[in-house]
Amino acid sequence: MTDDTRHRRLRLAGALALAGILAASVATPTMAAAGTHPGPNSHAVTHPDPNHHAVTHHGARKALLYDVTTSSPGYTCAAGAQPAPGAAHPGFVILNTTGRGYLEVTVVLRGAQPNATYSIWVNQYPGACPLTSATKPNAFTTNARGNGAGHARVELVTGATAFRVSAVSTGNVSILRSPAVTLVLKRAKA
């Protein structure tokens, strides 16, 4: 095994471990719609629309990635993916602001398209939505089971309040989109 392959495997294992920890400690849009908000920051949750697509939180938040490859459900820059009830969700995204003007994005896929290379698209609304090209092209490749993880660090767009993520495989064979998540932006300490 080459050093490069070993490094990639360690990064993937670290990303999956971090994603598992964060997934266990953050609310999903489905949980928010059901009114369950675990964790110490539950007081920060708001639902600005009746469909609960945009959720405001402090710190890191998780949003499901819905498979919109064969169906074309509606999506907007402000609300993100608006999947049909029961839509497949072969992954999720974790978004976290850094307090230094950046957004950390971790995409985790399980059972998505096998052996596929995915690009990460991070839409910020208002200001950078819709995008004309991927935020991080060829960010990661899934294994034979369709499992994989990728990471992107994105400069925050001034005034953006809603963030949605897409993971799109080469040739648009697999298209996954998240609902929009609104994060309370951390401020850098002076």
C-alpha atoms as a PDB file:
ATOM      1  CA  MET A   1       0.000   0.000   0.000  1.00  0.00           C
ATOM      2  CA  THR A   2       1.417   3.388  -0.965  1.00  0.00           C
ATOM      3  CA  ASP A   3       1.681   6.262   1.479  1.00  0.00           C
ATOM      4  CA  ASP A   4      -0.893   8.193  -0.575  1.00  0.00           C
ATOM      5  CA  THR A   5      -3.419   5.326  -0.345  1.00  0.00           C
ATOM      6  CA  ARG A   6      -2.780   4.918   3.382  1.00  0.00           C
ATOM      7  CA  HIS A   7      -3.264   8.681   3.887  1.00  0.00           C
ATOM      8  CA  ARG A   8      -6.577   8.607   1.963  1.00  0.00           C
ATOM      9  CA  ARG A   9      -7.842   5.668   4.016  1.00  0.00           C
ATOM     10  CA  LEU A  10      -6.930   7.381   7.272  1.00  0.00           C
ATOM     11  CA  ARG A  11      -8.699  10.588   6.164  1.00  0.00           C
ATOM     12  CA  LEU A  12     -11.809   8.601   5.171  1.00  0.00           C
ATOM     13  CA  ALA A  13     -11.809   6.696   8.467  1.00  0.00           C
ATOM     14  CA  GLY A  14     -11.406   9.959  10.386  1.00  0.00           C
ATOM     15  CA  ALA A  15     -14.205  11.650   8.435  1.00  0.00           C
ATOM     16  CA  LEU A  16     -16.547   8.692   8.985  1.00  0.00           C
ATOM     17  CA  ALA A  17     -15.738   8.625  12.708  1.00  0.00           C
ATOM     18  CA  LEU A  18     -16.329  12.377  13.035  1.00  0.00           C
ATOM     19  CA  ALA A  19     -19.537  12.102  11.034  1.00  0.00           C
ATOM     20  CA  GLY A  20     -20.775   9.312  13.298  1.00  0.00           C
ATOM     21  CA  ILE A  21     -20.081  11.341  16.421  1.00  0.00           C
ATOM     22  CA  LEU A  22     -21.742  14.452  15.024  1.00  0.00           C
ATOM     23  CA  ALA A  23     -24.676  12.483  13.630  1.00  0.00           C
ATOM     24  CA  ALA A  24     -25.387  11.094  17.070  1.00  0.00           C
ATOM     25  CA  SER A  25     -25.387  14.557  18.596  1.00  0.00           C
ATOM     26  CA  VAL A  26     -27.248  16.755  16.128  1.00  0.00           C
ATOM     27  CA  ALA A  27     -30.825  17.092  14.960  1.00  0.00           C
ATOM     28  CA  THR A  28     -31.892  16.078  11.461  1.00  0.00           C
ATOM     29  CA  PRO A  29     -34.608  17.921   9.538  1.00  0.00           C
ATOM     30  CA  THR A  30     -36.885  14.910  10.125  1.00  0.00           C
ATOM     31  CA  MET A  31     -36.249  15.126  13.869  1.00  0.00           C
ATOM     32  CA  ALA A  32     -36.891  18.862  13.736  1.00  0.00           C
ATOM     33  CA  ALA A  33     -40.204  18.330  11.971  1.00  0.00           C
ATOM     34  CA  ALA A  34     -41.185  15.860  14.675  1.00  0.00           C
ATOM     35  CA  GLY A  35     -40.349  18.445  17.327  1.00  0.00           C
ATOM     36  CA  THR A  36     -37.421  16.555  18.836  1.00  0.00           C
ATOM     37  CA  HIS A  37     -34.302  18.617  19.322  1.00  0.00           C
ATOM     38  CA  PRO A  38     -31.608  16.769  21.262  1.00  0.00           C
ATOM     39  CA  GLY A  39     -28.539  18.460  22.588  1.00  0.00           C
ATOM     40  CA  PRO A  40     -27.662  21.529  24.600  1.00  0.00           C
ATOM     41  CA  ASN A  41     -28.483  23.970  21.804  1.00  0.00           C
ATOM     42  CA  SER A  42     -32.114  23.004  21.382  1.00  0.00           C
ATOM     43  CA  HIS A  43     -33.183  26.534  22.353  1.00  0.00           C
ATOM     44  CA  ALA A  44     -31.646  27.831  19.114  1.00  0.00           C
ATOM     45  CA  VAL A  45     -33.961  25.848  16.819  1.00  0.00           C
ATOM     46  CA  THR A  46     -36.440  27.821  14.745  1.00  0.00           C
ATOM     47  CA  HIS A  47     -38.671  26.793  11.860  1.00  0.00           C
ATOM     48  CA  PRO A  48     -39.282  29.752   9.546  1.00  0.00           C
ATOM     49  CA  ASP A  49     -41.481  27.824   7.113  1.00  0.00           C
ATOM     50  CA  PRO A  50     -44.336  25.376   7.715  1.00  0.00           C
ATOM     51  CA  ASN A  51     -42.521  22.579   5.837  1.00  0.00           C
ATOM     52  CA  HIS A  52     -39.538  22.742   8.225  1.00  0.00           C
ATOM     53  CA  HIS A  53     -36.997  22.790   5.392  1.00  0.00           C
ATOM     54  CA  ALA A  54     -34.889  25.589   6.851  1.00  0.00           C
ATOM     55  CA  VAL A  55     -33.664  24.993  10.387  1.00  0.00           C
ATOM     56  CA  THR A  56     -31.621  27.469  12.433  1.00  0.00           C
ATOM     57  CA  HIS A  57     -29.049  26.106  14.885  1.00  0.00           C
ATOM     58  CA  HIS A  58     -25.881  27.084  16.687  1.00  0.00           C
ATOM     59  CA  GLY A  59     -22.810  25.050  15.753  1.00  0.00           C
ATOM     60  CA  ALA A  60     -22.616  21.943  13.576  1.00  0.00           C
ATOM     61  CA  ARG A  61     -25.800  20.629  11.972  1.00  0.00           C
ATOM     62  CA  LYS A  62     -26.720  17.607   9.927  1.00  0.00           C
ATOM     63  CA  ALA A  63     -29.007  17.468   6.888  1.00  0.00           C
ATOM     64  CA  LEU A  64     -30.009  14.391   4.927  1.00  0.00           C
ATOM     65  CA  LEU A  65     -29.005  14.068   1.285  1.00  0.00           C
ATOM     66  CA  TYR A  66     -31.948  12.954  -0.848  1.00  0.00           C
ATOM     67  CA  ASP A  67     -31.553  11.024  -4.089  1.00  0.00           C
ATOM     68  CA  VAL A  68     -33.086  13.186  -6.815  1.00  0.00           C
ATOM     69  CA  THR A  69     -31.433  11.338  -9.716  1.00  0.00           C
ATOM     70  CA  THR A  70     -34.558   9.857 -11.299  1.00  0.00           C
ATOM     71  CA  SER A  71     -37.174  12.189  -9.910  1.00  0.00           C
ATOM     72  CA  SER A  72     -36.913  15.922 -10.133  1.00  0.00           C
ATOM     73  CA  PRO A  73     -38.564  17.224  -6.982  1.00  0.00           C
ATOM     74  CA  GLY A  74     -38.633  20.923  -6.487  1.00  0.00           C
ATOM     75  CA  TYR A  75     -35.795  22.793  -4.892  1.00  0.00           C
ATOM     76  CA  THR A  76     -35.063  26.427  -4.354  1.00  0.00           C
ATOM     77  CA  CYS A  77     -32.000  28.298  -3.219  1.00  0.00           C
ATOM     78  CA  ALA A  78     -33.761  29.386  -0.026  1.00  0.00           C
ATOM     79  CA  ALA A  79     -35.264  25.992   0.928  1.00  0.00           C
ATOM     80  CA  GLY A  80     -32.987  23.481  -0.800  1.00  0.00           C
ATOM     81  CA  ALA A  81     -34.278  20.033  -1.711  1.00  0.00           C
ATOM     82  CA  GLN A  82     -37.976  19.454  -1.222  1.00  0.00           C
ATOM     83  CA  PRO A  83     -38.166  15.658  -1.533  1.00  0.00           C
ATOM     84  CA  ALA A  84     -41.327  13.633  -1.834  1.00  0.00           C
ATOM     85  CA  PRO A  85     -42.375  11.729   1.309  1.00  0.00           C
ATOM     86  CA  GLY A  86     -40.399   8.506   1.621  1.00  0.00           C
ATOM     87  CA  ALA A  87     -37.631   9.660  -0.743  1.00  0.00           C
ATOM     88  CA  ALA A  88     -34.388   7.688  -0.447  1.00  0.00           C
ATOM     89  CA  HIS A  89     -31.600   9.381   1.476  1.00  0.00           C
ATOM     90  CA  PRO A  90     -28.306   7.519   0.991  1.00  0.00           C
ATOM     91  CA  GLY A  91     -26.271  10.012   2.932  1.00  0.00           C
ATOM     92  CA  PHE A  92     -26.021  13.190   4.916  1.00  0.00           C
ATOM     93  CA  VAL A  93     -24.018  16.349   5.192  1.00  0.00           C
ATOM     94  CA  ILE A  94     -22.631  18.081   8.268  1.00  0.00           C
ATOM     95  CA  LEU A  95     -22.195  21.847   8.095  1.00  0.00           C
ATOM     96  CA  ASN A  96     -20.231  23.866  10.629  1.00  0.00           C
ATOM     97  CA  THR A  97     -19.081  27.480  10.688  1.00  0.00           C
ATOM     98  CA  THR A  98     -15.535  28.155  11.851  1.00  0.00           C
ATOM     99  CA  GLY A  99     -15.832  31.649  13.289  1.00  0.00           C
ATOM    100  CA  ARG A 100     -13.123  32.722  10.875  1.00  0.00           C
ATOM    101  CA  GLY A 101     -15.244  33.245   7.764  1.00  0.00           C
ATOM    102  CA  TYR A 102     -15.407  29.649   6.562  1.00  0.00           C
ATOM    103  CA  LEU A 103     -17.958  26.850   6.363  1.00  0.00           C
ATOM    104  CA  GLU A 104     -16.733  23.289   6.925  1.00  0.00           C
ATOM    105  CA  VAL A 105     -18.748  20.729   4.954  1.00  0.00           C
ATOM    106  CA  THR A 106     -18.514  16.953   5.413  1.00  0.00           C
ATOM    107  CA  VAL A 107     -20.480  14.690   3.070  1.00  0.00           C
ATOM    108  CA  VAL A 108     -21.042  11.054   4.104  1.00  0.00           C
ATOM    109  CA  LEU A 109     -22.617   8.515   1.736  1.00  0.00           C
ATOM    110  CA  ARG A 110     -23.785   4.991   2.559  1.00  0.00           C
ATOM    111  CA  GLY A 111     -25.236   2.816  -0.148  1.00  0.00           C
ATOM    112  CA  ALA A 112     -24.938   5.453  -2.875  1.00  0.00           C
ATOM    113  CA  GLN A 113     -23.618   4.719  -6.373  1.00  0.00           C
ATOM    114  CA  PRO A 114     -20.698   2.239  -6.059  1.00  0.00           C
ATOM    115  CA  ASN A 115     -17.214   3.185  -7.276  1.00  0.00           C
ATOM    116  CA  ALA A 116     -18.347   6.676  -8.243  1.00  0.00           C
ATOM    117  CA  THR A 117     -16.465   9.945  -8.032  1.00  0.00           C
ATOM    118  CA  TYR A 118     -18.545  12.722  -6.471  1.00  0.00           C
ATOM    119  CA  SER A 119     -18.154  16.487  -6.613  1.00  0.00           C
ATOM    120  CA  ILE A 120     -19.429  18.673  -3.763  1.00  0.00           C
ATOM    121  CA  TRP A 121     -21.592  21.721  -4.497  1.00  0.00           C
ATOM    122  CA  VAL A 122     -22.143  24.167  -1.619  1.00  0.00           C
ATOM    123  CA  ASN A 123     -24.858  26.720  -2.376  1.00  0.00           C
ATOM    124  CA  GLN A 124     -25.116  29.794  -0.157  1.00  0.00           C
ATOM    125  CA  TYR A 125     -28.239  31.927  -0.281  1.00  0.00           C
ATOM    126  CA  PRO A 126     -28.423  34.760  -0.943  1.00  0.00           C
ATOM    127  CA  GLY A 127     -25.208  35.381  -2.812  1.00  0.00           C
ATOM    128  CA  ALA A 128     -23.945  32.119  -4.317  1.00  0.00           C
ATOM    129  CA  CYS A 129     -26.924  30.139  -5.564  1.00  0.00           C
ATOM    130  CA  PRO A 130     -27.386  28.625  -8.043  1.00  0.00           C
ATOM    131  CA  LEU A 131     -23.803  27.682  -8.823  1.00  0.00           C
ATOM    132  CA  THR A 132     -22.414  27.176 -12.314  1.00  0.00           C
ATOM    133  CA  SER A 133     -19.664  24.753 -11.256  1.00  0.00           C
ATOM    134  CA  ALA A 134     -18.827  22.448  -8.365  1.00  0.00           C
ATOM    135  CA  THR A 135     -17.352  23.930  -5.195  1.00  0.00           C
ATOM    136  CA  LYS A 136     -14.972  20.968  -4.914  1.00  0.00           C
ATOM    137  CA  PRO A 137     -14.774  18.880  -8.092  1.00  0.00           C
ATOM    138  CA  ASN A 138     -13.941  15.172  -7.734  1.00  0.00           C
ATOM    139  CA  ALA A 139     -13.960  15.486  -3.945  1.00  0.00           C
ATOM    140  CA  PHE A 140     -14.164  11.766  -3.152  1.00  0.00           C
ATOM    141  CA  THR A 141     -14.849   8.293  -4.543  1.00  0.00           C
ATOM    142  CA  THR A 142     -17.215   5.726  -3.076  1.00  0.00           C
ATOM    143  CA  ASN A 143     -16.189   2.123  -2.552  1.00  0.00           C
ATOM    144  CA  ALA A 144     -17.825  -1.024  -4.026  1.00  0.00           C
ATOM    145  CA  ARG A 145     -20.701  -0.675  -1.521  1.00  0.00           C
ATOM    146  CA  GLY A 146     -21.346   2.970  -2.342  1.00  0.00           C
ATOM    147  CA  ASN A 147     -19.836   4.256   0.908  1.00  0.00           C
ATOM    148  CA  GLY A 148     -17.556   7.261   1.023  1.00  0.00           C
ATOM    149  CA  ALA A 149     -16.919  10.653   2.580  1.00  0.00           C
ATOM    150  CA  GLY A 150     -15.637  13.979   1.352  1.00  0.00           C
ATOM    151  CA  HIS A 151     -14.809  17.336   2.856  1.00  0.00           C
ATOM    152  CA  ALA A 152     -14.827  20.919   1.616  1.00  0.00           C
ATOM    153  CA  ARG A 153     -13.887  24.183   3.277  1.00  0.00           C
ATOM    154  CA  VAL A 154     -15.755  27.093   1.753  1.00  0.00           C
ATOM    155  CA  GLU A 155     -15.388  30.821   2.291  1.00  0.00           C
ATOM    156  CA  LEU A 156     -18.670  32.223   3.600  1.00  0.00           C
ATOM    157  CA  VAL A 157     -20.503  34.602   1.280  1.00  0.00           C
ATOM    158  CA  THR A 158     -21.357  37.875   3.035  1.00  0.00           C
ATOM    159  CA  GLY A 159     -25.062  37.966   3.830  1.00  0.00           C
ATOM    160  CA  ALA A 160     -25.725  34.270   3.132  1.00  0.00           C
ATOM    161  CA  THR A 161     -28.222  32.755   5.574  1.00  0.00           C
ATOM    162  CA  ALA A 162     -29.207  29.421   4.004  1.00  0.00           C
ATOM    163  CA  PHE A 163     -26.787  26.665   2.983  1.00  0.00           C
ATOM    164  CA  ARG A 164     -27.567  23.583   0.911  1.00  0.00           C
ATOM    165  CA  VAL A 165     -25.262  20.891  -0.377  1.00  0.00           C
ATOM    166  CA  SER A 166     -25.341  18.608  -3.400  1.00  0.00           C
ATOM    167  CA  ALA A 167     -23.155  15.584  -4.104  1.00  0.00           C
ATOM    168  CA  VAL A 168     -23.113  14.828  -7.824  1.00  0.00           C
ATOM    169  CA  SER A 169     -21.304  11.891  -9.408  1.00  0.00           C
ATOM    170  CA  THR A 170     -19.387  12.140 -12.667  1.00  0.00           C
ATOM    171  CA  GLY A 171     -21.802  12.285 -15.593  1.00  0.00           C
ATOM    172  CA  ASN A 172     -24.716  13.182 -13.257  1.00  0.00           C
ATOM    173  CA  VAL A 173     -25.434   9.468 -12.778  1.00  0.00           C
ATOM    174  CA  SER A 174     -26.189  10.105  -9.096  1.00  0.00           C
ATOM    175  CA  ILE A 175     -27.527  13.441  -7.827  1.00  0.00           C
ATOM    176  CA  LEU A 176     -28.046  13.935  -4.087  1.00  0.00           C
ATOM    177  CA  ARG A 177     -29.359  17.189  -2.551  1.00  0.00           C
ATOM    178  CA  SER A 178     -29.967  18.473   0.975  1.00  0.00           C
ATOM    179  CA  PRO A 179     -32.638  20.783   2.310  1.00  0.00           C
ATOM    180  CA  ALA A 180     -31.299  24.213   3.242  1.00  0.00           C
ATOM    181  CA  VAL A 181     -29.868  24.628   6.714  1.00  0.00           C
ATOM    182  CA  THR A 182     -29.597  28.021   8.374  1.00  0.00           C
ATOM    183  CA  LEU A 183     -26.690  28.300  10.789  1.00  0.00           C
ATOM    184  CA  VAL A 184     -26.053  30.980  13.363  1.00  0.00           C
ATOM    185  CA  LEU A 185     -22.667  32.219  12.242  1.00  0.00           C
ATOM    186  CA  LYS A 186     -19.906  32.082  14.814  1.00  0.00           C
ATOM    187  CA  ARG A 187     -17.991  35.290  15.301  1.00  0.00           C
ATOM    188  CA  ALA A 188     -14.217  35.299  15.522  1.00  0.00           C
ATOM    189  CA  LYS A 189     -12.909  36.247  18.950  1.00  0.00           C
ATOM    190  CA  ALA A 190     -11.196  39.615  18.990  1.00  0.00           C
END
